[in-house]
Amino acid sequence: MQQQLRLLSKQLGVAVVLIAACVVTVLLAVQGMQSATAVMNILLFGIALAVAATPEGLAAVITLVLAIGVQRMARRGAIVKKLPAVETLGSTTVIASDKTGTMTRNEMTVRALVTASGYANVSGSGYSPEGNLSTPNNEQFTEAQSREISQLLLAAALVNNAQLSESARGWKIQGDPTEAALLTAARKAKILPSAMQSLYPRLAEIPFSSERKMMSTLHEQGQHSGAITVFTKGAPDILLEHCTHEFSAGVCRPLTPQRRQDILRNNEQLTSTALRTLGVATRLLTQVEAANPIAIDEQATERHLTFIGLVGMMDPPRPEARRAVEQAKQAGIRPILITGDHPKTAVAVAQDLGIISTGRCIWLPT
């Protein structure tokens, strides 16, 4: 609009000057140069004509028209601070949007747990610890499943920096939504994170990094003086590379190649249903390592781990996001979803939102 107004101003200026020049030329030709006074009057008349023809009210008219337009847009729920933003949106052909918090509610909820003995479904939504755990067939958990699930949620609650608190407005979180979802799942299994953190005091932490895709914490076991346990969570495929054993029915068994394939297959099944997955593992430090746990680096700590299980969680899409995607497509705009989740999780969420109809995605490894 600014470019068009600038062009219009130039055209009007040139037209006014040409018209005034033509009028002055015609008057001089008709009247002749009888005297200096007559010539001066004709020139003054041309200048007055040019000034009168210039649209001084153009700026006021444009401001009034824009104000009326803003009122019409406000009635439709759109407030614009800068007009160029609207012009840019009007010429947009592709919108690339982040997933978490933009297309989704940013309220992670654990939906599934997978251990060596099988699956467990988790009911409830949000960060309220209201819900329960059940088997796919609503059968009773076996003793082995109960021990594996308890160990899985205990580890997930300890290798955690989030906080979950209840207020008059409901449950609130401090920290990462993914870690808060793990605390909520632990509460649903009657595991109180605060009590577990008291029983297993934290000694050190190896924070998450995008290169390792893992996080580890070292804890002292209160009931065994001097015993120190490492709990690790991270991307399942990366975490499995650091595991040599698996927790099964309370026993650490060697992790066979077949079991590795089974775990990866379970991970693929979870991600294909739009679930974000985390792997959880643990290891008891040796006496030499426990003598100085602070000095242990990530390479020495995150090795020879015992794989406990998988956690599948979902960040539900925003109801208004589907409508926004539909309107964008109707306007000829191509929406693209960008996320750091597993490719199959990204595809499932994109299909749920109506962004794509086929399972196509582009994965850029870090």
Protein backbone atom coordinates (compact mmCIF):
# COMPACT_ATOMS: atom_id res chain seq x y z
CA MET A 1 0.00 0.00 0.00
CA GLN A 2 2.85 2.38 0.76
CA GLN A 3 4.36 1.69 -2.65
CA GLN A 4 1.03 2.30 -4.37
CA LEU A 5 0.48 5.57 -2.48
CA ARG A 6 3.99 6.71 -3.37
CA LEU A 7 3.32 5.95 -7.05
CA LEU A 8 -0.06 7.70 -6.92
CA SER A 9 1.52 10.80 -5.37
CA LYS A 10 4.12 10.96 -8.12
CA GLN A 11 1.49 10.57 -10.83
CA LEU A 12 -0.70 13.25 -9.29
CA GLY A 13 2.27 15.60 -8.94
CA VAL A 14 3.30 15.17 -12.56
CA ALA A 15 -0.31 15.58 -13.76
CA VAL A 16 -0.83 18.78 -11.74
CA VAL A 17 2.40 20.32 -13.05
CA LEU A 18 1.54 19.43 -16.65
CA ILE A 19 -2.00 20.81 -16.35
CA ALA A 20 -0.78 24.04 -14.76
CA ALA A 21 1.93 24.43 -17.42
CA CYS A 22 -0.58 23.84 -20.21
CA VAL A 23 -3.02 26.41 -18.76
CA VAL A 24 -0.26 29.02 -18.35
CA THR A 25 0.97 28.37 -21.90
CA VAL A 26 -2.54 28.74 -23.34
CA LEU A 27 -3.23 31.97 -21.41
CA LEU A 28 0.06 33.48 -22.49
CA ALA A 29 -0.69 32.55 -26.09
CA VAL A 30 -4.18 34.06 -25.96
CA GLN A 31 -3.48 37.14 -23.88
CA GLY A 32 -0.01 37.74 -25.15
CA MET A 33 2.72 39.41 -23.21
CA GLN A 34 1.08 42.83 -23.11
CA SER A 35 2.76 43.83 -19.86
CA ALA A 36 4.80 42.45 -17.03
CA THR A 37 1.78 42.72 -14.78
CA ALA A 38 -0.31 40.48 -17.06
CA VAL A 39 2.45 37.90 -17.25
CA MET A 40 2.82 37.93 -13.46
CA ASN A 41 -0.94 37.43 -13.02
CA ILE A 42 -0.94 34.47 -15.41
CA LEU A 43 1.98 32.84 -13.57
CA LEU A 44 0.28 33.40 -10.21
CA PHE A 45 -2.89 31.86 -11.64
CA GLY A 46 -0.93 28.77 -12.76
CA ILE A 47 0.67 28.38 -9.35
CA ALA A 48 -2.70 28.76 -7.63
CA LEU A 49 -4.19 26.17 -9.98
CA ALA A 50 -1.39 23.70 -9.18
CA VAL A 51 -1.81 24.22 -5.45
CA ALA A 52 -5.59 23.86 -5.68
CA ALA A 53 -5.33 20.66 -7.72
CA THR A 54 -3.03 18.98 -5.21
CA PRO A 55 -5.12 16.59 -3.00
CA GLU A 56 -4.13 17.79 0.49
CA GLY A 57 -6.88 15.68 2.01
CA LEU A 58 -5.46 12.43 0.62
CA ALA A 59 -3.66 11.59 3.88
CA ALA A 60 -6.77 12.22 5.96
CA VAL A 61 -8.93 10.16 3.59
CA ILE A 62 -6.48 7.24 3.71
CA THR A 63 -6.37 7.38 7.52
CA LEU A 64 -10.17 7.37 7.68
CA VAL A 65 -10.43 4.43 5.28
CA LEU A 66 -7.83 2.44 7.24
CA ALA A 67 -9.66 3.14 10.51
CA ILE A 68 -12.91 1.85 9.02
CA GLY A 69 -11.07 -1.24 7.77
CA VAL A 70 -9.59 -1.89 11.23
CA GLN A 71 -13.06 -1.66 12.76
CA ARG A 72 -14.41 -4.20 10.30
CA MET A 73 -11.48 -6.54 11.02
CA ALA A 74 -11.89 -6.11 14.78
CA ARG A 75 -15.51 -7.22 14.52
CA ARG A 76 -14.18 -10.42 12.93
CA GLY A 77 -11.65 -11.00 15.69
CA ALA A 78 -8.52 -9.61 14.03
CA ILE A 79 -6.43 -6.78 15.48
CA VAL A 80 -3.52 -5.58 13.36
CA LYS A 81 -0.74 -3.41 14.70
CA LYS A 82 1.27 -3.10 11.50
CA LEU A 83 -0.36 -3.03 8.10
CA PRO A 84 2.62 -4.63 6.28
CA ALA A 85 1.98 -7.77 8.37
CA VAL A 86 -1.46 -8.10 6.78
CA GLU A 87 -0.02 -7.54 3.33
CA THR A 88 2.59 -10.22 3.98
CA LEU A 89 -0.10 -12.63 5.14
CA GLY A 90 -2.14 -11.84 2.07
CA SER A 91 0.71 -12.95 -0.19
CA THR A 92 1.63 -16.02 1.89
CA THR A 93 1.68 -19.38 0.11
CA VAL A 94 3.33 -21.56 2.78
CA ILE A 95 3.04 -21.53 6.58
CA ALA A 96 5.61 -23.58 8.53
CA SER A 97 4.43 -23.97 12.12
CA ASP A 98 5.99 -25.45 15.23
CA LYS A 99 4.02 -28.30 16.79
CA THR A 100 4.39 -28.12 20.54
CA GLY A 101 2.41 -25.30 22.08
CA THR A 102 1.30 -23.94 18.71
CA MET A 103 -0.61 -26.75 17.05
CA THR A 104 -0.94 -28.64 20.32
CA ARG A 105 -1.93 -27.67 23.88
CA ASN A 106 1.55 -28.18 25.34
CA GLU A 107 -0.01 -30.43 27.98
CA MET A 108 1.83 -33.73 27.77
CA THR A 109 -0.06 -36.76 29.07
CA VAL A 110 1.35 -40.27 29.48
CA ARG A 111 -0.84 -42.73 27.59
CA ALA A 112 1.12 -45.98 27.53
CA LEU A 113 3.86 -47.85 29.37
CA VAL A 114 5.75 -50.73 27.81
CA THR A 115 7.96 -53.07 29.85
CA ALA A 116 9.38 -56.52 29.35
CA SER A 117 6.05 -58.11 30.38
CA GLY A 118 3.78 -56.09 28.11
CA TYR A 119 1.70 -52.93 27.74
CA ALA A 120 -0.10 -50.78 30.26
CA ASN A 121 -2.59 -48.06 29.38
CA VAL A 122 -2.79 -44.83 31.42
CA SER A 123 -6.09 -42.96 31.62
CA GLY A 124 -6.74 -39.30 32.42
CA SER A 125 -5.61 -36.11 30.73
CA GLY A 126 -3.62 -33.05 31.62
CA TYR A 127 -1.53 -32.75 34.77
CA SER A 128 -4.23 -33.75 37.22
CA PRO A 129 -3.23 -37.11 38.78
CA GLU A 130 -6.71 -38.50 38.21
CA GLY A 131 -6.67 -41.76 36.33
CA ASN A 132 -5.42 -45.29 36.61
CA LEU A 133 -3.30 -47.91 34.93
CA SER A 134 -4.78 -50.92 33.18
CA THR A 135 -3.88 -53.68 30.77
CA PRO A 136 -5.21 -53.61 27.19
CA ASN A 137 -7.69 -56.36 28.13
CA ASN A 138 -8.55 -54.83 31.51
CA GLU A 139 -7.05 -57.79 33.28
CA GLN A 140 -5.14 -57.78 36.55
CA PHE A 141 -1.47 -56.95 36.39
CA THR A 142 0.84 -59.83 37.05
CA GLU A 143 3.42 -59.50 39.79
CA ALA A 144 6.14 -59.12 37.17
CA GLN A 145 4.26 -56.30 35.40
CA SER A 146 3.60 -54.50 38.67
CA ARG A 147 7.27 -54.57 39.63
CA GLU A 148 8.38 -53.42 36.18
CA ILE A 149 5.85 -50.57 36.03
CA SER A 150 6.75 -49.43 39.54
CA GLN A 151 10.45 -49.41 38.70
CA LEU A 152 9.78 -47.58 35.42
CA LEU A 153 7.71 -44.81 37.02
CA LEU A 154 10.08 -44.55 39.98
CA ALA A 155 13.02 -43.97 37.65
CA ALA A 156 11.02 -41.50 35.54
CA ALA A 157 10.08 -39.52 38.65
CA LEU A 158 13.67 -39.37 39.89
CA VAL A 159 15.43 -38.41 36.65
CA ASN A 160 13.24 -35.34 36.62
CA ASN A 161 13.56 -31.60 37.28
CA ALA A 162 9.89 -30.61 37.03
CA GLN A 163 7.59 -29.82 39.92
CA LEU A 164 3.87 -30.53 40.20
CA SER A 165 1.70 -28.61 42.68
CA GLU A 166 -2.00 -28.21 43.34
CA SER A 167 -3.67 -24.81 43.67
CA ALA A 168 -7.18 -23.43 43.76
CA ARG A 169 -7.20 -23.34 39.95
CA GLY A 170 -5.99 -26.90 39.57
CA TRP A 171 -2.63 -28.55 39.10
CA LYS A 172 0.28 -26.40 37.97
CA ILE A 173 3.70 -27.35 36.72
CA GLN A 174 7.12 -25.80 36.94
CA GLY A 175 9.59 -27.01 34.39
CA ASP A 176 9.40 -29.09 31.26
CA PRO A 177 5.90 -30.39 30.32
CA THR A 178 7.33 -33.79 29.38
CA GLU A 179 8.89 -34.27 32.81
CA ALA A 180 5.70 -33.02 34.49
CA ALA A 181 3.74 -35.68 32.60
CA LEU A 182 6.04 -38.33 34.07
CA LEU A 183 5.36 -37.04 37.58
CA THR A 184 1.62 -37.16 36.92
CA ALA A 185 1.85 -40.76 35.71
CA ALA A 186 3.81 -41.69 38.82
CA ARG A 187 1.11 -40.20 41.04
CA LYS A 188 -1.54 -42.22 39.20
CA ALA A 189 0.41 -45.33 40.20
CA LYS A 190 0.44 -44.15 43.85
CA ILE A 191 4.12 -43.23 43.64
CA LEU A 192 4.64 -39.84 45.28
CA PRO A 193 7.65 -38.13 43.64
CA SER A 194 8.44 -36.07 46.76
CA ALA A 195 8.61 -39.20 48.91
CA MET A 196 10.78 -41.01 46.39
CA GLN A 197 13.14 -38.06 46.13
CA SER A 198 13.56 -38.21 49.89
CA LEU A 199 14.33 -41.92 49.80
CA TYR A 200 16.74 -41.45 46.89
CA PRO A 201 18.59 -38.14 47.44
CA ARG A 202 20.13 -36.74 44.27
CA LEU A 203 23.91 -36.46 44.26
CA ALA A 204 24.65 -35.26 40.75
CA GLU A 205 23.07 -34.65 37.36
CA ILE A 206 24.21 -35.00 33.78
CA PRO A 207 21.85 -32.62 31.95
CA PHE A 208 20.16 -33.35 28.66
CA SER A 209 21.97 -32.35 25.48
CA SER A 210 20.88 -32.48 21.86
CA GLU A 211 24.01 -34.45 20.97
CA ARG A 212 23.45 -37.24 23.51
CA LYS A 213 19.64 -37.02 23.60
CA MET A 214 19.73 -38.30 27.16
CA MET A 215 19.67 -37.08 30.76
CA SER A 216 21.00 -38.87 33.83
CA THR A 217 20.89 -38.36 37.58
CA LEU A 218 22.81 -40.10 40.35
CA HIS A 219 20.97 -41.01 43.56
CA GLU A 220 21.97 -42.47 46.87
CA GLN A 221 19.86 -45.36 48.09
CA GLY A 222 18.82 -44.58 51.63
CA GLN A 223 18.31 -48.20 52.62
CA HIS A 224 21.75 -49.24 51.38
CA SER A 225 24.47 -47.02 52.71
CA GLY A 226 27.01 -46.15 50.05
CA ALA A 227 25.02 -47.60 47.15
CA ILE A 228 24.52 -45.15 44.27
CA THR A 229 22.12 -45.69 41.37
CA VAL A 230 22.06 -43.97 38.00
CA PHE A 231 18.72 -43.27 36.33
CA THR A 232 18.69 -42.26 32.66
CA LYS A 233 15.96 -41.22 30.25
CA GLY A 234 16.18 -40.28 26.60
CA ALA A 235 15.43 -41.21 23.01
CA PRO A 236 14.73 -44.97 22.98
CA ASP A 237 16.86 -45.81 19.96
CA ILE A 238 19.84 -43.89 21.35
CA LEU A 239 19.35 -45.17 24.89
CA LEU A 240 19.27 -48.79 23.74
CA GLU A 241 22.77 -48.42 22.34
CA HIS A 242 24.01 -47.81 25.90
CA CYS A 243 22.09 -50.74 27.43
CA THR A 244 23.43 -54.23 27.97
CA HIS A 245 20.67 -55.63 30.23
CA GLU A 246 16.92 -55.42 30.67
CA PHE A 247 14.82 -55.22 33.83
CA SER A 248 12.37 -58.11 33.77
CA ALA A 249 10.29 -59.31 36.75
CA GLY A 250 12.71 -57.74 39.19
CA VAL A 251 15.76 -59.36 37.60
CA CYS A 252 18.40 -57.85 35.33
CA ARG A 253 18.72 -60.08 32.30
CA PRO A 254 21.09 -59.73 29.34
CA LEU A 255 19.57 -57.72 26.51
CA THR A 256 19.54 -60.06 23.52
CA PRO A 257 19.45 -58.86 19.90
CA GLN A 258 15.91 -60.22 19.61
CA ARG A 259 14.75 -58.18 22.59
CA ARG A 260 16.40 -55.08 21.12
CA GLN A 261 14.37 -55.55 17.96
CA ASP A 262 11.21 -56.11 20.01
CA ILE A 263 11.77 -52.87 21.93
CA LEU A 264 12.42 -50.90 18.76
CA ARG A 265 9.30 -52.43 17.22
CA ASN A 266 7.25 -51.42 20.24
CA ASN A 267 8.68 -47.93 19.95
CA GLU A 268 7.64 -47.76 16.29
CA GLN A 269 4.10 -48.85 17.20
CA LEU A 270 3.81 -46.11 19.82
CA THR A 271 5.13 -43.37 17.56
CA SER A 272 2.80 -44.43 14.73
CA THR A 273 -0.16 -43.58 17.00
CA ALA A 274 1.06 -39.99 17.54
CA LEU A 275 2.74 -40.80 20.85
CA ARG A 276 6.04 -39.27 21.82
CA THR A 277 8.28 -41.90 23.38
CA LEU A 278 10.98 -41.93 26.03
CA GLY A 279 13.18 -44.76 27.15
CA VAL A 280 14.17 -45.20 30.80
CA ALA A 281 17.17 -47.14 32.10
CA THR A 282 19.19 -47.56 35.29
CA ARG A 283 22.51 -48.85 36.61
CA LEU A 284 24.06 -49.48 40.01
CA LEU A 285 27.50 -47.90 40.27
CA THR A 286 30.46 -50.00 41.23
CA GLN A 287 32.21 -49.38 44.53
CA VAL A 288 35.06 -47.56 42.80
CA GLU A 289 32.64 -45.28 40.97
CA ALA A 290 30.51 -44.74 44.07
CA ALA A 291 33.55 -43.54 45.98
CA ASN A 292 33.57 -40.32 43.94
CA PRO A 293 30.32 -39.99 41.97
CA ILE A 294 30.77 -36.26 41.31
CA ALA A 295 33.87 -36.94 39.21
CA ILE A 296 32.09 -39.38 36.90
CA ASP A 297 31.55 -38.03 33.39
CA GLU A 298 28.74 -38.86 30.99
CA GLN A 299 30.69 -41.44 29.02
CA ALA A 300 31.55 -43.39 32.16
CA THR A 301 28.07 -43.11 33.67
CA GLU A 302 25.79 -43.73 30.71
CA ARG A 303 27.10 -47.19 29.83
CA HIS A 304 26.21 -50.79 30.69
CA LEU A 305 22.69 -49.58 31.52
CA THR A 306 19.70 -51.77 32.30
CA PHE A 307 16.72 -50.92 30.14
CA ILE A 308 13.49 -50.61 32.16
CA GLY A 309 10.83 -49.67 29.64
CA LEU A 310 9.18 -47.21 27.27
CA VAL A 311 6.88 -44.32 28.08
CA GLY A 312 4.43 -43.13 25.41
CA MET A 313 2.89 -39.70 25.87
CA MET A 314 0.71 -37.40 23.84
CA ASP A 315 0.33 -33.65 23.52
CA PRO A 316 -3.29 -33.33 22.32
CA PRO A 317 -3.90 -31.04 19.33
CA ARG A 318 -5.69 -27.76 19.86
CA PRO A 319 -9.32 -27.96 18.66
CA GLU A 320 -8.95 -24.64 16.83
CA ALA A 321 -5.80 -25.86 15.04
CA ARG A 322 -7.73 -28.19 12.74
CA ARG A 323 -10.04 -25.35 11.69
CA ALA A 324 -7.06 -23.06 11.10
CA VAL A 325 -5.40 -25.68 8.88
CA GLU A 326 -8.63 -26.12 6.93
CA GLN A 327 -9.01 -22.38 6.40
CA ALA A 328 -5.37 -22.08 5.31
CA LYS A 329 -5.86 -24.77 2.68
CA GLN A 330 -9.04 -23.10 1.45
CA ALA A 331 -7.05 -19.88 1.05
CA GLY A 332 -4.47 -21.69 -1.08
CA ILE A 333 -1.84 -21.80 1.67
CA ARG A 334 0.20 -24.96 2.23
CA PRO A 335 0.70 -25.71 5.96
CA ILE A 336 3.87 -27.50 7.10
CA LEU A 337 4.45 -28.99 10.57
CA ILE A 338 7.91 -28.70 12.14
CA THR A 339 8.83 -30.74 15.21
CA GLY A 340 11.71 -32.51 16.86
CA ASP A 341 9.63 -35.62 17.57
CA HIS A 342 10.02 -39.03 15.98
CA PRO A 343 9.12 -38.97 12.25
CA LYS A 344 6.18 -41.33 12.73
CA THR A 345 4.87 -39.22 15.60
CA ALA A 346 5.10 -36.14 13.41
CA VAL A 347 3.24 -37.89 10.59
CA ALA A 348 0.48 -39.09 12.90
CA VAL A 349 -0.04 -35.62 14.39
CA ALA A 350 0.01 -33.99 10.96
CA GLN A 351 -2.60 -36.44 9.69
CA ASP A 352 -4.75 -35.80 12.76
CA LEU A 353 -4.61 -32.06 12.11
CA GLY A 354 -5.40 -32.50 8.43
CA ILE A 355 -2.06 -31.13 7.26
CA ILE A 356 -1.23 -34.21 5.21
CA SER A 357 -3.18 -37.19 3.95
CA THR A 358 -0.19 -39.45 3.28
CA GLY A 359 2.70 -40.44 5.51
CA ARG A 360 5.28 -38.17 3.93
CA CYS A 361 7.87 -36.35 6.04
CA ILE A 362 11.38 -35.00 5.76
CA TRP A 363 13.73 -35.98 8.57
CA LEU A 364 16.86 -33.93 9.12
CA PRO A 365 19.24 -35.75 11.49
CA THR A 366 21.19 -33.58 13.93
